[in-house]
Amino acid sequence: MYQIKENTKILLEEIREVSREEKVVVAFSGGLDSTVVSALAVRALGKEKVEVININFGEYTYNKGIKNVQNISKDLDLKLRIVLGKEEQEKLLKKGPACNKCTRIAKLGRVKREAKGRLVLTGSNQSDTWGKKGIKICDGFYAPLFEKDKEEIREIANFFNLKILKIGESKFREGCKLKHLLKPLAATNYHGKAVAEANEIILDVLEREGYTAKLANVKIIGPLNKNIGLVNILPFPGESLKRRVIEELKKVKTLEEIVFLDKPIKLIVKANKGQFNNQHSRYWLEKGRLQPDFSVPVEIDWLLTTNKNLATFQVIDYEIIE
């Protein structure tokens, strides 16, 4: 406890020094990292100098995520501003999945524009690619938790007695629903609707049944004219709950095929030339981006796309490995 108290004291002093005790903005998602940063900023500077800005992506934001933002801002008495970012996000993902680009432009970039010159505090840390490859203070952004890992951040949250509702999609890292769309968001009322509805439904069913999952999502793959839903739940549920999940997902009219994953899978992935020829990029996509969100071991069969409109990658099909 003494060590946590001392580490927290150092963070508070650093925030005062870096901000020069002027007004700041926190990029606030309602998750663990941004909540801890918000709590630190308020304690360091006083609530009158801290505004938290949440970028809301409409149906691509989990319902529990919205509740988290509202509840935490109320509990901490934060000055909250919600900004709509759905249209900008849809434009960015029109040519293929691009989570880092979305974070850089639609999330952090939008918060920076709204900050109008104020320093923007983020929750970037050693558990994500931004923390591992980024810079602690850069271009108007400051990451107080830059050197911290997830366990250290949880310790600070417990020290402050922060109550954060888990969305339920991942025990490791939770985000927006569009990270589960593994192809271009070419038609929002088709591709977007499928990923938004399916990933809300799966969490609703598990909550109603009282099932605590470490992982729960529906990956949307397939050619642009067909949505295939790959259902991932860990630990694997029993047959009764499995049937219940599939029954509910069948109500999503934009899903043509539903596959419950309980055996290893091979994903057929088309990639643009830049990604296809970059071994590091391919390795990160497989091991860092895809495998952690799947309930079964994943192999990838890489294909070079001929589609000039594909800016990143598209999972066009799958094979179950018996």
C-alpha atoms as a PDB file:
ATOM      1  CA  MET A   1       0.000   0.000   0.000  1.00  0.00           C
ATOM      2  CA  TYR A   2       2.876   2.359   0.836  1.00  0.00           C
ATOM      3  CA  GLN A   3       4.416   1.817  -2.617  1.00  0.00           C
ATOM      4  CA  ILE A   4       1.126   2.533  -4.401  1.00  0.00           C
ATOM      5  CA  LYS A   5       0.678   5.685  -2.352  1.00  0.00           C
ATOM      6  CA  GLU A   6       4.179   6.879  -3.237  1.00  0.00           C
ATOM      7  CA  ASN A   7       3.780   6.014  -6.942  1.00  0.00           C
ATOM      8  CA  THR A   8       0.489   7.888  -7.044  1.00  0.00           C
ATOM      9  CA  LYS A   9       2.079  10.901  -5.369  1.00  0.00           C
ATOM     10  CA  ILE A  10       4.783  10.948  -8.053  1.00  0.00           C
ATOM     11  CA  LEU A  11       2.133  10.809 -10.804  1.00  0.00           C
ATOM     12  CA  LEU A  12       0.202  13.701  -9.269  1.00  0.00           C
ATOM     13  CA  GLU A  13       3.336  15.827  -9.058  1.00  0.00           C
ATOM     14  CA  GLU A  14       4.223  15.013 -12.664  1.00  0.00           C
ATOM     15  CA  ILE A  15       0.746  15.976 -13.914  1.00  0.00           C
ATOM     16  CA  ARG A  16       1.054  19.346 -12.164  1.00  0.00           C
ATOM     17  CA  GLU A  17       4.497  19.898 -13.664  1.00  0.00           C
ATOM     18  CA  VAL A  18       3.648  18.849 -17.241  1.00  0.00           C
ATOM     19  CA  SER A  19       0.338  20.746 -17.317  1.00  0.00           C
ATOM     20  CA  ARG A  20       1.877  23.779 -15.597  1.00  0.00           C
ATOM     21  CA  GLU A  21      -1.281  23.574 -13.486  1.00  0.00           C
ATOM     22  CA  GLU A  22      -3.326  24.925 -16.389  1.00  0.00           C
ATOM     23  CA  LYS A  23      -6.670  23.587 -17.652  1.00  0.00           C
ATOM     24  CA  VAL A  24      -6.542  20.170 -19.342  1.00  0.00           C
ATOM     25  CA  VAL A  25      -8.779  17.753 -21.220  1.00  0.00           C
ATOM     26  CA  VAL A  26      -8.945  13.981 -20.706  1.00  0.00           C
ATOM     27  CA  ALA A  27      -9.803  11.664 -23.619  1.00  0.00           C
ATOM     28  CA  PHE A  28     -12.415   9.680 -21.694  1.00  0.00           C
ATOM     29  CA  SER A  29     -13.817   6.306 -22.780  1.00  0.00           C
ATOM     30  CA  GLY A  30     -15.162   5.164 -19.410  1.00  0.00           C
ATOM     31  CA  GLY A  31     -12.680   2.282 -19.319  1.00  0.00           C
ATOM     32  CA  LEU A  32     -10.046   1.550 -16.692  1.00  0.00           C
ATOM     33  CA  ASP A  33      -7.175   3.598 -18.146  1.00  0.00           C
ATOM     34  CA  SER A  34      -9.001   6.840 -18.920  1.00  0.00           C
ATOM     35  CA  THR A  35     -10.913   6.655 -15.621  1.00  0.00           C
ATOM     36  CA  VAL A  36      -7.667   6.404 -13.651  1.00  0.00           C
ATOM     37  CA  VAL A  37      -6.197   9.320 -15.633  1.00  0.00           C
ATOM     38  CA  SER A  38      -9.334  11.391 -14.945  1.00  0.00           C
ATOM     39  CA  ALA A  39      -9.142  10.657 -11.224  1.00  0.00           C
ATOM     40  CA  LEU A  40      -5.444  11.565 -11.152  1.00  0.00           C
ATOM     41  CA  ALA A  41      -6.018  14.804 -13.064  1.00  0.00           C
ATOM     42  CA  VAL A  42      -8.805  15.926 -10.729  1.00  0.00           C
ATOM     43  CA  ARG A  43      -6.691  15.199  -7.662  1.00  0.00           C
ATOM     44  CA  ALA A  44      -3.668  16.946  -9.147  1.00  0.00           C
ATOM     45  CA  LEU A  45      -5.350  20.054 -10.564  1.00  0.00           C
ATOM     46  CA  GLY A  46      -8.828  20.298  -9.074  1.00  0.00           C
ATOM     47  CA  LYS A  47     -12.057  19.455 -10.909  1.00  0.00           C
ATOM     48  CA  GLU A  48     -12.539  23.029 -12.171  1.00  0.00           C
ATOM     49  CA  LYS A  49      -9.421  22.622 -14.363  1.00  0.00           C
ATOM     50  CA  VAL A  50     -10.358  19.234 -15.841  1.00  0.00           C
ATOM     51  CA  GLU A  51     -12.833  18.541 -18.648  1.00  0.00           C
ATOM     52  CA  VAL A  52     -13.352  14.974 -19.836  1.00  0.00           C
ATOM     53  CA  ILE A  53     -14.434  14.457 -23.441  1.00  0.00           C
ATOM     54  CA  ASN A  54     -16.060  11.247 -24.618  1.00  0.00           C
ATOM     55  CA  ILE A  55     -16.379  10.448 -28.319  1.00  0.00           C
ATOM     56  CA  ASN A  56     -19.642   8.569 -28.791  1.00  0.00           C
ATOM     57  CA  PHE A  57     -19.890   6.341 -31.874  1.00  0.00           C
ATOM     58  CA  GLY A  58     -23.624   5.717 -31.771  1.00  0.00           C
ATOM     59  CA  GLU A  59     -24.618   2.070 -32.212  1.00  0.00           C
ATOM     60  CA  TYR A  60     -20.941   1.078 -32.438  1.00  0.00           C
ATOM     61  CA  THR A  61     -20.531   1.988 -28.758  1.00  0.00           C
ATOM     62  CA  TYR A  62     -21.576  -0.727 -26.300  1.00  0.00           C
ATOM     63  CA  ASN A  63     -24.586   0.165 -24.132  1.00  0.00           C
ATOM     64  CA  LYS A  64     -22.566  -0.676 -21.024  1.00  0.00           C
ATOM     65  CA  GLY A  65     -19.826   1.636 -22.237  1.00  0.00           C
ATOM     66  CA  ILE A  66     -22.293   4.526 -22.385  1.00  0.00           C
ATOM     67  CA  LYS A  67     -23.517   3.708 -18.862  1.00  0.00           C
ATOM     68  CA  ASN A  68     -19.918   3.605 -17.644  1.00  0.00           C
ATOM     69  CA  VAL A  69     -19.220   7.070 -19.015  1.00  0.00           C
ATOM     70  CA  GLN A  70     -22.335   8.472 -17.345  1.00  0.00           C
ATOM     71  CA  ASN A  71     -21.892   6.696 -13.997  1.00  0.00           C
ATOM     72  CA  ILE A  72     -18.164   7.365 -13.576  1.00  0.00           C
ATOM     73  CA  SER A  73     -18.425  11.021 -14.539  1.00  0.00           C
ATOM     74  CA  LYS A  74     -21.222  11.380 -11.979  1.00  0.00           C
ATOM     75  CA  ASP A  75     -19.372   9.482  -9.220  1.00  0.00           C
ATOM     76  CA  LEU A  76     -16.181  11.515  -9.725  1.00  0.00           C
ATOM     77  CA  ASP A  77     -18.129  14.737 -10.315  1.00  0.00           C
ATOM     78  CA  LEU A  78     -16.378  15.208 -13.660  1.00  0.00           C
ATOM     79  CA  LYS A  79     -17.147  17.955 -16.145  1.00  0.00           C
ATOM     80  CA  LEU A  80     -18.229  15.689 -19.033  1.00  0.00           C
ATOM     81  CA  ARG A  81     -18.757  16.602 -22.676  1.00  0.00           C
ATOM     82  CA  ILE A  82     -19.984  14.023 -25.184  1.00  0.00           C
ATOM     83  CA  VAL A  83     -19.081  14.501 -28.850  1.00  0.00           C
ATOM     84  CA  LEU A  84     -20.597  12.445 -31.677  1.00  0.00           C
ATOM     85  CA  GLY A  85     -17.988  10.737 -33.863  1.00  0.00           C
ATOM     86  CA  LYS A  86     -19.902   8.081 -35.792  1.00  0.00           C
ATOM     87  CA  GLU A  87     -19.744   9.676 -39.245  1.00  0.00           C
ATOM     88  CA  GLU A  88     -16.001  10.286 -39.102  1.00  0.00           C
ATOM     89  CA  GLN A  89     -15.399   6.721 -37.901  1.00  0.00           C
ATOM     90  CA  GLU A  90     -17.485   5.259 -40.729  1.00  0.00           C
ATOM     91  CA  LYS A  91     -15.478   7.191 -43.332  1.00  0.00           C
ATOM     92  CA  LEU A  92     -12.168   5.955 -41.898  1.00  0.00           C
ATOM     93  CA  LEU A  93     -13.193   2.286 -41.976  1.00  0.00           C
ATOM     94  CA  LYS A  94     -14.830   2.331 -45.396  1.00  0.00           C
ATOM     95  CA  LYS A  95     -11.734   0.800 -47.038  1.00  0.00           C
ATOM     96  CA  GLY A  96     -10.943  -1.795 -44.391  1.00  0.00           C
ATOM     97  CA  PRO A  97     -10.297  -2.300 -40.656  1.00  0.00           C
ATOM     98  CA  ALA A  98      -7.996   0.403 -39.268  1.00  0.00           C
ATOM     99  CA  CYS A  99      -8.164   0.555 -35.464  1.00  0.00           C
ATOM    100  CA  ASN A 100      -4.955   2.550 -34.942  1.00  0.00           C
ATOM    101  CA  LYS A 101      -5.959   5.079 -37.592  1.00  0.00           C
ATOM    102  CA  CYS A 102      -9.388   5.386 -35.996  1.00  0.00           C
ATOM    103  CA  THR A 103      -7.818   5.973 -32.569  1.00  0.00           C
ATOM    104  CA  ARG A 104      -5.425   8.545 -34.001  1.00  0.00           C
ATOM    105  CA  ILE A 105      -8.008  10.512 -36.000  1.00  0.00           C
ATOM    106  CA  ALA A 106     -11.598   9.814 -34.923  1.00  0.00           C
ATOM    107  CA  LYS A 107     -10.857   9.446 -31.206  1.00  0.00           C
ATOM    108  CA  LEU A 108      -7.721  11.262 -30.019  1.00  0.00           C
ATOM    109  CA  GLY A 109      -7.617  13.578 -33.017  1.00  0.00           C
ATOM    110  CA  ARG A 110     -11.198  14.648 -32.434  1.00  0.00           C
ATOM    111  CA  VAL A 111     -10.578  15.210 -28.714  1.00  0.00           C
ATOM    112  CA  LYS A 112      -7.560  17.377 -29.565  1.00  0.00           C
ATOM    113  CA  ARG A 113      -9.654  19.507 -31.926  1.00  0.00           C
ATOM    114  CA  GLU A 114     -12.277  19.921 -29.215  1.00  0.00           C
ATOM    115  CA  ALA A 115      -9.583  20.795 -26.631  1.00  0.00           C
ATOM    116  CA  LYS A 116      -8.703  23.982 -28.550  1.00  0.00           C
ATOM    117  CA  GLY A 117      -5.108  24.245 -27.390  1.00  0.00           C
ATOM    118  CA  ARG A 118      -5.445  22.642 -23.971  1.00  0.00           C
ATOM    119  CA  LEU A 119      -3.197  19.688 -23.119  1.00  0.00           C
ATOM    120  CA  VAL A 120      -4.933  16.336 -23.779  1.00  0.00           C
ATOM    121  CA  LEU A 121      -4.339  13.547 -21.263  1.00  0.00           C
ATOM    122  CA  THR A 122      -4.728   9.970 -22.530  1.00  0.00           C
ATOM    123  CA  GLY A 123      -4.763   6.511 -20.951  1.00  0.00           C
ATOM    124  CA  SER A 124      -2.031   5.083 -23.209  1.00  0.00           C
ATOM    125  CA  ASN A 125       0.176   2.599 -21.351  1.00  0.00           C
ATOM    126  CA  GLN A 126       2.400  -0.456 -21.792  1.00  0.00           C
ATOM    127  CA  SER A 127      -0.548  -2.773 -22.469  1.00  0.00           C
ATOM    128  CA  ASP A 128      -1.280  -1.249 -25.886  1.00  0.00           C
ATOM    129  CA  THR A 129       0.620  -0.426 -29.054  1.00  0.00           C
ATOM    130  CA  TRP A 130       0.352   3.307 -28.396  1.00  0.00           C
ATOM    131  CA  GLY A 131       2.127   2.876 -25.062  1.00  0.00           C
ATOM    132  CA  LYS A 132       4.822   0.554 -26.388  1.00  0.00           C
ATOM    133  CA  LYS A 133       5.721   2.581 -29.460  1.00  0.00           C
ATOM    134  CA  GLY A 134       4.582   6.080 -28.614  1.00  0.00           C
ATOM    135  CA  ILE A 135       6.053   9.010 -26.715  1.00  0.00           C
ATOM    136  CA  LYS A 136       4.895  10.095 -23.275  1.00  0.00           C
ATOM    137  CA  ILE A 137       4.512  13.777 -24.193  1.00  0.00           C
ATOM    138  CA  CYS A 138       4.021  14.598 -27.866  1.00  0.00           C
ATOM    139  CA  ASP A 139       2.141  17.084 -30.041  1.00  0.00           C
ATOM    140  CA  GLY A 140      -0.276  18.271 -27.369  1.00  0.00           C
ATOM    141  CA  PHE A 141      -0.858  14.806 -25.871  1.00  0.00           C
ATOM    142  CA  TYR A 142       0.381  13.539 -22.524  1.00  0.00           C
ATOM    143  CA  ALA A 143       0.106   9.952 -21.230  1.00  0.00           C
ATOM    144  CA  PRO A 144       0.612   9.940 -17.426  1.00  0.00           C
ATOM    145  CA  LEU A 145       0.388   6.113 -17.337  1.00  0.00           C
ATOM    146  CA  PHE A 146       2.926   5.658 -20.135  1.00  0.00           C
ATOM    147  CA  GLU A 147       5.335   3.483 -18.092  1.00  0.00           C
ATOM    148  CA  LYS A 148       2.584   1.539 -16.296  1.00  0.00           C
ATOM    149  CA  ASP A 149       1.200  -1.898 -17.114  1.00  0.00           C
ATOM    150  CA  LYS A 150      -2.389  -3.039 -16.575  1.00  0.00           C
ATOM    151  CA  GLU A 151      -1.757  -4.490 -13.122  1.00  0.00           C
ATOM    152  CA  GLU A 152      -0.214  -1.246 -11.853  1.00  0.00           C
ATOM    153  CA  ILE A 153      -3.150   0.726 -13.265  1.00  0.00           C
ATOM    154  CA  ARG A 154      -5.632  -1.582 -11.514  1.00  0.00           C
ATOM    155  CA  GLU A 155      -3.754  -1.026  -8.247  1.00  0.00           C
ATOM    156  CA  ILE A 156      -4.179   2.741  -8.628  1.00  0.00           C
ATOM    157  CA  ALA A 157      -7.885   2.258  -9.406  1.00  0.00           C
ATOM    158  CA  ASN A 158      -8.289   0.154  -6.253  1.00  0.00           C
ATOM    159  CA  PHE A 159      -6.339   2.720  -4.226  1.00  0.00           C
ATOM    160  CA  PHE A 160      -8.829   5.380  -5.371  1.00  0.00           C
ATOM    161  CA  ASN A 161     -11.732   2.919  -4.886  1.00  0.00           C
ATOM    162  CA  LEU A 162     -12.890   3.425  -8.479  1.00  0.00           C
ATOM    163  CA  LYS A 163     -15.833   1.286  -9.605  1.00  0.00           C
ATOM    164  CA  ILE A 164     -15.642   0.475 -13.316  1.00  0.00           C
ATOM    165  CA  LEU A 165     -18.284  -1.676 -14.997  1.00  0.00           C
ATOM    166  CA  LYS A 166     -16.781  -4.234 -17.376  1.00  0.00           C
ATOM    167  CA  ILE A 167     -18.502  -4.332 -20.744  1.00  0.00           C
ATOM    168  CA  GLY A 168     -17.963  -8.096 -20.948  1.00  0.00           C
ATOM    169  CA  GLU A 169     -16.487  -8.459 -24.452  1.00  0.00           C
ATOM    170  CA  SER A 170     -12.916  -9.048 -23.291  1.00  0.00           C
ATOM    171  CA  LYS A 171     -11.143  -9.479 -19.981  1.00  0.00           C
ATOM    172  CA  PHE A 172      -7.985  -8.039 -21.549  1.00  0.00           C
ATOM    173  CA  ARG A 173      -8.975  -5.001 -23.593  1.00  0.00           C
ATOM    174  CA  GLU A 174     -12.401  -3.608 -24.432  1.00  0.00           C
ATOM    175  CA  GLY A 175     -13.183  -1.200 -27.234  1.00  0.00           C
ATOM    176  CA  CYS A 176     -15.907  -0.362 -29.729  1.00  0.00           C
ATOM    177  CA  LYS A 177     -17.904  -2.913 -31.721  1.00  0.00           C
ATOM    178  CA  LEU A 178     -16.301  -2.040 -35.052  1.00  0.00           C
ATOM    179  CA  LYS A 179     -13.068  -3.783 -34.073  1.00  0.00           C
ATOM    180  CA  HIS A 180     -15.060  -6.981 -34.664  1.00  0.00           C
ATOM    181  CA  LEU A 181     -15.789  -6.080 -38.308  1.00  0.00           C
ATOM    182  CA  LEU A 182     -12.975  -7.794 -40.190  1.00  0.00           C
ATOM    183  CA  LYS A 183     -13.771  -6.330 -43.590  1.00  0.00           C
ATOM    184  CA  PRO A 184     -14.497  -2.879 -45.039  1.00  0.00           C
ATOM    185  CA  LEU A 185     -17.432  -0.920 -43.656  1.00  0.00           C
ATOM    186  CA  ALA A 186     -18.621  -0.444 -47.223  1.00  0.00           C
ATOM    187  CA  ALA A 187     -22.348  -0.323 -46.388  1.00  0.00           C
ATOM    188  CA  THR A 188     -23.212   0.999 -42.929  1.00  0.00           C
ATOM    189  CA  ASN A 189     -26.787  -0.310 -43.003  1.00  0.00           C
ATOM    190  CA  TYR A 190     -25.494  -3.799 -43.825  1.00  0.00           C
ATOM    191  CA  HIS A 191     -21.961  -4.361 -42.493  1.00  0.00           C
ATOM    192  CA  GLY A 192     -22.295  -1.810 -39.693  1.00  0.00           C
ATOM    193  CA  LYS A 193     -25.722  -3.030 -38.647  1.00  0.00           C
ATOM    194  CA  ALA A 194     -24.544  -6.650 -38.446  1.00  0.00           C
ATOM    195  CA  VAL A 195     -21.547  -5.958 -36.202  1.00  0.00           C
ATOM    196  CA  ALA A 196     -23.454  -3.508 -33.987  1.00  0.00           C
ATOM    197  CA  GLU A 197     -26.509  -5.697 -33.387  1.00  0.00           C
ATOM    198  CA  ALA A 198     -24.705  -9.042 -33.069  1.00  0.00           C
ATOM    199  CA  ASN A 199     -22.186  -7.812 -30.507  1.00  0.00           C
ATOM    200  CA  GLU A 200     -24.848  -6.204 -28.324  1.00  0.00           C
ATOM    201  CA  ILE A 201     -27.019  -9.323 -28.488  1.00  0.00           C
ATOM    202  CA  ILE A 202     -24.284 -11.738 -27.408  1.00  0.00           C
ATOM    203  CA  LEU A 203     -23.574  -9.705 -24.260  1.00  0.00           C
ATOM    204  CA  ASP A 204     -27.285  -9.349 -23.473  1.00  0.00           C
ATOM    205  CA  VAL A 205     -27.837 -13.117 -23.697  1.00  0.00           C
ATOM    206  CA  LEU A 206     -24.852 -13.943 -21.491  1.00  0.00           C
ATOM    207  CA  GLU A 207     -25.923 -11.383 -18.898  1.00  0.00           C
ATOM    208  CA  ARG A 208     -29.502 -12.689 -18.809  1.00  0.00           C
ATOM    209  CA  GLU A 209     -28.211 -16.228 -18.353  1.00  0.00           C
ATOM    210  CA  GLY A 210     -25.807 -15.134 -15.608  1.00  0.00           C
ATOM    211  CA  TYR A 211     -22.790 -16.386 -17.566  1.00  0.00           C
ATOM    212  CA  THR A 212     -19.483 -14.637 -16.880  1.00  0.00           C
ATOM    213  CA  ALA A 213     -17.269 -14.762 -19.958  1.00  0.00           C
ATOM    214  CA  LYS A 214     -13.622 -13.801 -20.321  1.00  0.00           C
ATOM    215  CA  LEU A 215     -14.253 -13.257 -24.031  1.00  0.00           C
ATOM    216  CA  ALA A 216     -17.485 -12.680 -25.952  1.00  0.00           C
ATOM    217  CA  ASN A 217     -17.803 -11.303 -29.464  1.00  0.00           C
ATOM    218  CA  VAL A 218     -19.109 -11.949 -32.961  1.00  0.00           C
ATOM    219  CA  LYS A 219     -16.521 -11.382 -35.675  1.00  0.00           C
ATOM    220  CA  ILE A 220     -18.104 -10.346 -38.973  1.00  0.00           C
ATOM    221  CA  ILE A 221     -16.235 -11.709 -42.004  1.00  0.00           C
ATOM    222  CA  GLY A 222     -16.957 -12.715 -45.598  1.00  0.00           C
ATOM    223  CA  PRO A 223     -17.158 -11.103 -49.030  1.00  0.00           C
ATOM    224  CA  LEU A 224     -18.840  -7.712 -49.171  1.00  0.00           C
ATOM    225  CA  ASN A 225     -22.157  -9.274 -50.223  1.00  0.00           C
ATOM    226  CA  LYS A 226     -22.276 -11.821 -47.386  1.00  0.00           C
ATOM    227  CA  ASN A 227     -21.964 -11.383 -43.622  1.00  0.00           C
ATOM    228  CA  ILE A 228     -20.646 -14.425 -41.741  1.00  0.00           C
ATOM    229  CA  GLY A 229     -20.715 -14.226 -37.940  1.00  0.00           C
ATOM    230  CA  LEU A 230     -17.964 -16.104 -36.078  1.00  0.00           C
ATOM    231  CA  VAL A 231     -19.069 -16.472 -32.453  1.00  0.00           C
ATOM    232  CA  ASN A 232     -16.338 -16.417 -29.798  1.00  0.00           C
ATOM    233  CA  ILE A 233     -17.087 -17.178 -26.129  1.00  0.00           C
ATOM    234  CA  LEU A 234     -14.630 -18.216 -23.416  1.00  0.00           C
ATOM    235  CA  PRO A 235     -14.937 -20.326 -21.386  1.00  0.00           C
ATOM    236  CA  PHE A 236     -16.900 -22.456 -23.861  1.00  0.00           C
ATOM    237  CA  PRO A 237     -20.573 -22.524 -22.764  1.00  0.00           C
ATOM    238  CA  GLY A 238     -22.751 -25.623 -22.532  1.00  0.00           C
ATOM    239  CA  GLU A 239     -24.960 -26.735 -25.415  1.00  0.00           C
ATOM    240  CA  SER A 240     -28.091 -25.085 -24.012  1.00  0.00           C
ATOM    241  CA  LEU A 241     -26.515 -21.625 -23.781  1.00  0.00           C
ATOM    242  CA  LYS A 242     -24.790 -22.130 -27.119  1.00  0.00           C
ATOM    243  CA  ARG A 243     -28.178 -22.798 -28.773  1.00  0.00           C
ATOM    244  CA  ARG A 244     -29.676 -19.773 -27.034  1.00  0.00           C
ATOM    245  CA  VAL A 245     -26.934 -17.480 -28.358  1.00  0.00           C
ATOM    246  CA  ILE A 246     -27.350 -18.796 -31.905  1.00  0.00           C
ATOM    247  CA  GLU A 247     -31.153 -18.444 -31.700  1.00  0.00           C
ATOM    248  CA  GLU A 248     -30.880 -14.786 -30.752  1.00  0.00           C
ATOM    249  CA  LEU A 249     -28.230 -14.046 -33.377  1.00  0.00           C
ATOM    250  CA  LYS A 250     -30.488 -15.490 -36.070  1.00  0.00           C
ATOM    251  CA  LYS A 251     -32.741 -12.486 -35.465  1.00  0.00           C
ATOM    252  CA  VAL A 252     -30.076 -10.226 -36.979  1.00  0.00           C
ATOM    253  CA  LYS A 253     -31.378  -9.893 -40.537  1.00  0.00           C
ATOM    254  CA  THR A 254     -28.024  -8.770 -41.927  1.00  0.00           C
ATOM    255  CA  LEU A 255     -26.280 -12.006 -40.833  1.00  0.00           C
ATOM    256  CA  GLU A 256     -26.459 -14.760 -43.467  1.00  0.00           C
ATOM    257  CA  GLU A 257     -24.371 -17.368 -41.629  1.00  0.00           C
ATOM    258  CA  ILE A 258     -23.552 -17.976 -37.952  1.00  0.00           C
ATOM    259  CA  VAL A 259     -20.680 -20.218 -36.831  1.00  0.00           C
ATOM    260  CA  PHE A 260     -20.001 -21.020 -33.169  1.00  0.00           C
ATOM    261  CA  LEU A 261     -16.256 -21.499 -32.778  1.00  0.00           C
ATOM    262  CA  ASP A 262     -15.056 -24.404 -30.633  1.00  0.00           C
ATOM    263  CA  LYS A 263     -12.357 -25.812 -32.936  1.00  0.00           C
ATOM    264  CA  PRO A 264      -9.226 -24.232 -34.456  1.00  0.00           C
ATOM    265  CA  ILE A 265      -9.905 -22.059 -37.492  1.00  0.00           C
ATOM    266  CA  LYS A 266      -8.079 -20.943 -40.614  1.00  0.00           C
ATOM    267  CA  LEU A 267      -8.952 -17.443 -41.801  1.00  0.00           C
ATOM    268  CA  ILE A 268      -8.625 -16.598 -45.488  1.00  0.00           C
ATOM    269  CA  VAL A 269      -7.325 -13.035 -45.507  1.00  0.00           C
ATOM    270  CA  LYS A 270      -6.881 -10.697 -48.452  1.00  0.00           C
ATOM    271  CA  ALA A 271      -4.466  -7.831 -47.830  1.00  0.00           C
ATOM    272  CA  ASN A 272      -3.282  -4.833 -49.801  1.00  0.00           C
ATOM    273  CA  LYS A 273       0.243  -4.910 -51.205  1.00  0.00           C
ATOM    274  CA  GLY A 274       1.802  -2.906 -48.378  1.00  0.00           C
ATOM    275  CA  GLN A 275       0.515  -5.224 -45.674  1.00  0.00           C
ATOM    276  CA  PHE A 276       0.952  -8.410 -47.697  1.00  0.00           C
ATOM    277  CA  ASN A 277       4.660  -7.700 -48.275  1.00  0.00           C
ATOM    278  CA  ASN A 278       5.340  -6.630 -44.678  1.00  0.00           C
ATOM    279  CA  GLN A 279       6.121  -9.652 -42.489  1.00  0.00           C
ATOM    280  CA  HIS A 280       6.051  -7.589 -39.290  1.00  0.00           C
ATOM    281  CA  SER A 281       2.626  -6.185 -40.155  1.00  0.00           C
ATOM    282  CA  ARG A 282       1.291  -9.656 -40.939  1.00  0.00           C
ATOM    283  CA  TYR A 283       2.683 -11.071 -37.697  1.00  0.00           C
ATOM    284  CA  TRP A 284       1.151  -8.245 -35.632  1.00  0.00           C
ATOM    285  CA  LEU A 285      -2.229  -8.658 -37.334  1.00  0.00           C
ATOM    286  CA  GLU A 286      -2.293 -12.400 -36.632  1.00  0.00           C
ATOM    287  CA  LYS A 287      -0.815 -12.489 -33.122  1.00  0.00           C
ATOM    288  CA  GLY A 288      -1.652  -9.048 -31.779  1.00  0.00           C
ATOM    289  CA  ARG A 289      -4.893  -8.045 -33.502  1.00  0.00           C
ATOM    290  CA  LEU A 290      -6.768 -11.272 -34.299  1.00  0.00           C
ATOM    291  CA  GLN A 291      -5.712 -14.153 -32.035  1.00  0.00           C
ATOM    292  CA  PRO A 292      -6.429 -12.389 -28.691  1.00  0.00           C
ATOM    293  CA  ASP A 293     -10.055 -11.834 -29.753  1.00  0.00           C
ATOM    294  CA  PHE A 294     -10.680 -15.439 -30.842  1.00  0.00           C
ATOM    295  CA  SER A 295     -11.744 -18.302 -28.574  1.00  0.00           C
ATOM    296  CA  VAL A 296      -9.806 -20.879 -30.620  1.00  0.00           C
ATOM    297  CA  PRO A 297      -6.336 -21.097 -32.216  1.00  0.00           C
ATOM    298  CA  VAL A 298      -6.133 -19.124 -35.470  1.00  0.00           C
ATOM    299  CA  GLU A 299      -4.148 -19.769 -38.648  1.00  0.00           C
ATOM    300  CA  ILE A 300      -4.076 -17.351 -41.574  1.00  0.00           C
ATOM    301  CA  ASP A 301      -3.930 -18.043 -45.286  1.00  0.00           C
ATOM    302  CA  TRP A 302      -2.682 -14.779 -46.830  1.00  0.00           C
ATOM    303  CA  LEU A 303      -3.773 -13.638 -50.293  1.00  0.00           C
ATOM    304  CA  LEU A 304      -2.736 -10.520 -52.184  1.00  0.00           C
ATOM    305  CA  THR A 305      -5.826  -8.500 -53.086  1.00  0.00           C
ATOM    306  CA  THR A 306      -6.516  -7.129 -56.546  1.00  0.00           C
ATOM    307  CA  ASN A 307      -9.030  -4.674 -55.076  1.00  0.00           C
ATOM    308  CA  LYS A 308      -7.413  -1.232 -55.199  1.00  0.00           C
ATOM    309  CA  ASN A 309     -10.035   0.106 -52.785  1.00  0.00           C
ATOM    310  CA  LEU A 310      -8.883  -2.211 -49.982  1.00  0.00           C
ATOM    311  CA  ALA A 311      -6.546  -0.104 -47.838  1.00  0.00           C
ATOM    312  CA  THR A 312      -5.805  -2.744 -45.173  1.00  0.00           C
ATOM    313  CA  PHE A 313      -7.209  -6.282 -45.033  1.00  0.00           C
ATOM    314  CA  GLN A 314     -10.401  -8.316 -45.336  1.00  0.00           C
ATOM    315  CA  VAL A 315     -11.197 -11.761 -43.923  1.00  0.00           C
ATOM    316  CA  ILE A 316     -13.106 -13.216 -46.855  1.00  0.00           C
ATOM    317  CA  ASP A 317     -13.701 -16.792 -45.664  1.00  0.00           C
ATOM    318  CA  TYR A 318     -12.786 -19.467 -43.126  1.00  0.00           C
ATOM    319  CA  GLU A 319     -12.091 -23.173 -42.719  1.00  0.00           C
ATOM    320  CA  ILE A 320     -12.625 -25.167 -39.529  1.00  0.00           C
ATOM    321  CA  ILE A 321      -9.550 -27.268 -38.735  1.00  0.00           C
ATOM    322  CA  GLU A 322     -10.648 -30.726 -37.619  1.00  0.00           C
END
